[in-house]
C-alpha atoms as a PDB file:
ATOM      1  CA  MET A   1      54.153 -22.816 -41.477  1.00  0.00           C
ATOM      2  CA  THR A   2      50.952 -24.251 -40.008  1.00  0.00           C
ATOM      3  CA  PRO A   3      47.602 -22.583 -40.591  1.00  0.00           C
ATOM      4  CA  SER A   4      45.916 -20.749 -37.752  1.00  0.00           C
ATOM      5  CA  ARG A   5      43.305 -22.646 -35.793  1.00  0.00           C
ATOM      6  CA  ARG A   6      41.175 -19.588 -35.170  1.00  0.00           C
ATOM      7  CA  LYS A   7      38.207 -19.107 -37.403  1.00  0.00           C
ATOM      8  CA  ARG A   8      37.730 -15.789 -39.019  1.00  0.00           C
ATOM      9  CA  ARG A   9      34.549 -13.933 -38.262  1.00  0.00           C
ATOM     10  CA  GLN A  10      32.370 -13.228 -41.200  1.00  0.00           C
ATOM     11  CA  PRO A  11      30.506  -9.927 -41.216  1.00  0.00           C
ATOM     12  CA  GLN A  12      26.897 -10.292 -40.169  1.00  0.00           C
ATOM     13  CA  PRO A  13      24.253  -9.023 -42.554  1.00  0.00           C
ATOM     14  CA  VAL A  14      22.844  -5.695 -41.456  1.00  0.00           C
ATOM     15  CA  ALA A  15      19.209  -5.876 -40.401  1.00  0.00           C
ATOM     16  CA  PRO A  16      16.926  -3.247 -41.872  1.00  0.00           C
ATOM     17  CA  PRO A  17      16.080  -0.457 -39.431  1.00  0.00           C
ATOM     18  CA  PRO A  18      12.803  -0.920 -37.583  1.00  0.00           C
ATOM     19  CA  SER A  19       9.883   0.897 -39.065  1.00  0.00           C
ATOM     20  CA  PRO A  20       8.798   3.995 -37.144  1.00  0.00           C
ATOM     21  CA  PRO A  21       5.695   3.643 -34.994  1.00  0.00           C
ATOM     22  CA  PRO A  22       2.479   4.839 -36.530  1.00  0.00           C
ATOM     23  CA  SER A  23       2.001   8.535 -36.026  1.00  0.00           C
ATOM     24  CA  SER A  24      -0.501   9.602 -33.433  1.00  0.00           C
ATOM     25  CA  GLN A  25      -1.722  12.702 -35.204  1.00  0.00           C
ATOM     26  CA  PRO A  26      -5.337  13.676 -34.704  1.00  0.00           C
ATOM     27  CA  ALA A  27      -7.626  14.472 -37.598  1.00  0.00           C
ATOM     28  CA  ASP A  28      -6.816  18.209 -37.517  1.00  0.00           C
ATOM     29  CA  GLY A  29      -3.152  17.531 -38.396  1.00  0.00           C
ATOM     30  CA  GLN A  30      -1.537  18.725 -35.152  1.00  0.00           C
ATOM     31  CA  GLU A  31       0.752  16.319 -33.365  1.00  0.00           C
ATOM     32  CA  THR A  32      -0.224  15.415 -29.805  1.00  0.00           C
ATOM     33  CA  PRO A  33       2.521  16.110 -27.247  1.00  0.00           C
ATOM     34  CA  ARG A  34       4.221  13.048 -25.825  1.00  0.00           C
ATOM     35  CA  ASN A  35       4.734  14.495 -22.346  1.00  0.00           C
ATOM     36  CA  PRO A  36       1.913  16.885 -21.516  1.00  0.00           C
ATOM     37  CA  GLU A  37       3.272  17.730 -18.069  1.00  0.00           C
ATOM     38  CA  ARG A  38       6.300  19.946 -18.368  1.00  0.00           C
ATOM     39  CA  LEU A  39       8.619  20.600 -15.446  1.00  0.00           C
ATOM     40  CA  TYR A  40       7.310  24.128 -14.917  1.00  0.00           C
ATOM     41  CA  THR A  41       3.842  22.713 -14.259  1.00  0.00           C
ATOM     42  CA  ILE A  42       5.268  20.509 -11.530  1.00  0.00           C
ATOM     43  CA  ALA A  43       7.149  23.408  -9.984  1.00  0.00           C
ATOM     44  CA  GLY A  44       4.319  25.875 -10.606  1.00  0.00           C
ATOM     45  CA  SER A  45       6.372  28.944  -9.680  1.00  0.00           C
ATOM     46  CA  ALA A  46       5.211  32.139 -11.329  1.00  0.00           C
ATOM     47  CA  ASP A  47       8.187  34.382 -10.535  1.00  0.00           C
ATOM     48  CA  GLY A  48      10.981  31.796 -10.917  1.00  0.00           C
ATOM     49  CA  ALA A  49      12.595  32.722  -7.583  1.00  0.00           C
ATOM     50  CA  ARG A  50      14.864  30.081  -6.116  1.00  0.00           C
ATOM     51  CA  ALA A  51      16.501  29.554  -2.759  1.00  0.00           C
ATOM     52  CA  GLU A  52      20.271  29.193  -2.546  1.00  0.00           C
ATOM     53  CA  LEU A  53      20.458  25.404  -2.668  1.00  0.00           C
ATOM     54  CA  ASP A  54      23.209  23.083  -3.774  1.00  0.00           C
ATOM     55  CA  LEU A  55      23.388  19.314  -4.132  1.00  0.00           C
ATOM     56  CA  VAL A  56      24.417  18.662  -0.511  1.00  0.00           C
ATOM     57  CA  THR A  57      21.920  20.999   1.159  1.00  0.00           C
ATOM     58  CA  LEU A  58      19.897  19.002   3.679  1.00  0.00           C
ATOM     59  CA  VAL A  59      16.113  19.309   3.613  1.00  0.00           C
ATOM     60  CA  VAL A  60      13.971  18.403   6.654  1.00  0.00           C
ATOM     61  CA  ALA A  61      10.162  18.387   6.734  1.00  0.00           C
ATOM     62  CA  ARG A  62       8.469  20.499   9.392  1.00  0.00           C
ATOM     63  CA  SER A  63       4.985  19.042   8.936  1.00  0.00           C
ATOM     64  CA  LEU A  64       3.069  16.244   7.275  1.00  0.00           C
ATOM     65  CA  PRO A  65       1.741  16.701   3.734  1.00  0.00           C
ATOM     66  CA  GLN A  66      -1.623  18.444   3.452  1.00  0.00           C
ATOM     67  CA  PRO A  67      -4.403  16.837   1.385  1.00  0.00           C
ATOM     68  CA  SER A  68      -4.258  19.796  -1.007  1.00  0.00           C
ATOM     69  CA  ALA A  69      -0.519  19.319  -1.726  1.00  0.00           C
ATOM     70  CA  SER A  70       0.625  18.223  -5.169  1.00  0.00           C
ATOM     71  CA  PRO A  71       1.955  14.647  -5.472  1.00  0.00           C
ATOM     72  CA  GLU A  72       5.535  15.921  -5.758  1.00  0.00           C
ATOM     73  CA  GLU A  73       5.222  18.151  -2.687  1.00  0.00           C
ATOM     74  CA  ALA A  74       3.651  15.311  -0.699  1.00  0.00           C
ATOM     75  CA  ALA A  75       6.471  12.966  -1.756  1.00  0.00           C
ATOM     76  CA  VAL A  76       9.124  15.491  -0.679  1.00  0.00           C
ATOM     77  CA  LEU A  77       7.458  15.951   2.707  1.00  0.00           C
ATOM     78  CA  ARG A  78       7.181  12.185   3.255  1.00  0.00           C
ATOM     79  CA  LEU A  79      10.790  11.549   2.232  1.00  0.00           C
ATOM     80  CA  CYS A  80      12.150  14.391   4.353  1.00  0.00           C
ATOM     81  CA  ALA A  81      10.939  13.018   7.678  1.00  0.00           C
ATOM     82  CA  SER A  82      14.670  12.507   8.232  1.00  0.00           C
ATOM     83  CA  PRO A  83      17.202  14.875   6.607  1.00  0.00           C
ATOM     84  CA  LEU A  84      17.892  14.206   2.925  1.00  0.00           C
ATOM     85  CA  SER A  85      20.099  16.091   0.492  1.00  0.00           C
ATOM     86  CA  VAL A  86      18.677  17.783  -2.578  1.00  0.00           C
ATOM     87  CA  ALA A  87      20.614  15.308  -4.732  1.00  0.00           C
ATOM     88  CA  GLU A  88      18.962  12.357  -2.997  1.00  0.00           C
ATOM     89  CA  LEU A  89      15.511  13.900  -3.366  1.00  0.00           C
ATOM     90  CA  SER A  90      16.181  14.552  -7.025  1.00  0.00           C
ATOM     91  CA  ALA A  91      17.183  10.929  -7.542  1.00  0.00           C
ATOM     92  CA  TYR A  92      14.258   9.471  -5.603  1.00  0.00           C
ATOM     93  CA  LEU A  93      11.671  11.596  -7.404  1.00  0.00           C
ATOM     94  CA  GLN A  94      13.445  11.341 -10.785  1.00  0.00           C
ATOM     95  CA  LEU A  95      13.299  15.102 -11.276  1.00  0.00           C
ATOM     96  CA  PRO A  96      16.181  17.312 -12.436  1.00  0.00           C
ATOM     97  CA  PHE A  97      17.984  19.477  -9.915  1.00  0.00           C
ATOM     98  CA  SER A  98      16.530  22.677 -11.360  1.00  0.00           C
ATOM     99  CA  ALA A  99      12.945  21.492 -10.858  1.00  0.00           C
ATOM    100  CA  MET A 100      13.784  20.287  -7.334  1.00  0.00           C
ATOM    101  CA  THR A 101      15.199  23.684  -6.358  1.00  0.00           C
ATOM    102  CA  VAL A 102      11.990  25.430  -7.446  1.00  0.00           C
ATOM    103  CA  LEU A 103       9.835  22.843  -5.663  1.00  0.00           C
ATOM    104  CA  ILE A 104      11.872  23.084  -2.449  1.00  0.00           C
ATOM    105  CA  THR A 105      11.831  26.901  -2.669  1.00  0.00           C
ATOM    106  CA  GLU A 106       8.029  26.791  -2.690  1.00  0.00           C
ATOM    107  CA  LEU A 107       8.016  24.462   0.322  1.00  0.00           C
ATOM    108  CA  ILE A 108      10.447  26.737   2.183  1.00  0.00           C
ATOM    109  CA  GLY A 109       8.210  29.725   1.410  1.00  0.00           C
ATOM    110  CA  ALA A 110       5.193  27.858   2.799  1.00  0.00           C
ATOM    111  CA  ASP A 111       7.284  26.980   5.905  1.00  0.00           C
ATOM    112  CA  LEU A 112       6.775  23.243   5.311  1.00  0.00           C
ATOM    113  CA  VAL A 113      10.467  22.324   5.080  1.00  0.00           C
ATOM    114  CA  GLN A 114      13.734  23.638   6.425  1.00  0.00           C
ATOM    115  CA  ALA A 115      16.930  23.692   4.364  1.00  0.00           C
ATOM    116  CA  ARG A 116      20.314  23.723   6.057  1.00  0.00           C
ATOM    117  CA  ALA A 117      23.938  23.196   5.226  1.00  0.00           C
ATOM    118  CA  PRO A 118      25.312  19.715   5.877  1.00  0.00           C
ATOM    119  CA  ILE A 119      26.900  19.075   9.247  1.00  0.00           C
ATOM    120  CA  VAL A 120      30.664  18.898   8.902  1.00  0.00           C
ATOM    121  CA  ARG A 121      32.707  17.341  11.653  1.00  0.00           C
ATOM    122  CA  ARG A 122      35.554  19.425  12.918  1.00  0.00           C
ATOM    123  CA  SER A 123      38.894  17.866  12.308  1.00  0.00           C
ATOM    124  CA  VAL A 124      40.403  17.028  15.685  1.00  0.00           C
ATOM    125  CA  PRO A 125      44.137  16.379  15.805  1.00  0.00           C
ATOM    126  CA  ASP A 126      45.254  12.894  16.719  1.00  0.00           C
ATOM    127  CA  ARG A 127      45.652  12.379  20.472  1.00  0.00           C
ATOM    128  CA  SER A 128      49.085  10.802  20.060  1.00  0.00           C
ATOM    129  CA  LEU A 129      50.279  13.903  18.185  1.00  0.00           C
ATOM    130  CA  LEU A 130      49.049  16.171  20.982  1.00  0.00           C
ATOM    131  CA  GLU A 131      50.796  14.000  23.594  1.00  0.00           C
ATOM    132  CA  ALA A 132      54.031  14.085  21.610  1.00  0.00           C
ATOM    133  CA  VAL A 133      53.884  17.899  21.445  1.00  0.00           C
ATOM    134  CA  MET A 134      53.102  18.086  25.181  1.00  0.00           C
ATOM    135  CA  HIS A 135      56.073  15.820  26.062  1.00  0.00           C
ATOM    136  CA  GLY A 136      58.343  17.840  23.785  1.00  0.00           C
ATOM    137  CA  LEU A 137      57.322  21.069  25.491  1.00  0.00           C
ATOM    138  CA  GLN A 138      57.859  19.518  28.952  1.00  0.00           C
ATOM    139  CA  ARG A 139      61.442  18.588  28.035  1.00  0.00           C
ATOM    140  CA  LEU A 140      62.277  22.194  27.242  1.00  0.00           C
END
């Protein structure tokens, strides 16, 4: 029997894990937060009310962003010049769906955007099928 021509792989030595970054604790011993802006500060809703929105709900802007609008609200109004779904807005702004629903609810309440169900085309039967039925009825 002839020996195999393939070479056997030897296990690679395991590299030591990287050392953790130096801690950014201030002198008083409390750790500084990594992300100071939480999602509820972006959405800013006090009561937590939300409109009935799903991922395919289309959002259309009714006006241009005001100078006093937050950056997220201004971005939604600019993007929604043409209808966009909530899922698309969430992806473009890199915000979770829950934060987008609160943000859009605020814009709906301020009458800056309009939310509507997606337009679904009615299914129309094939013309050849209708002609076949018509010819069959004429033969009767």
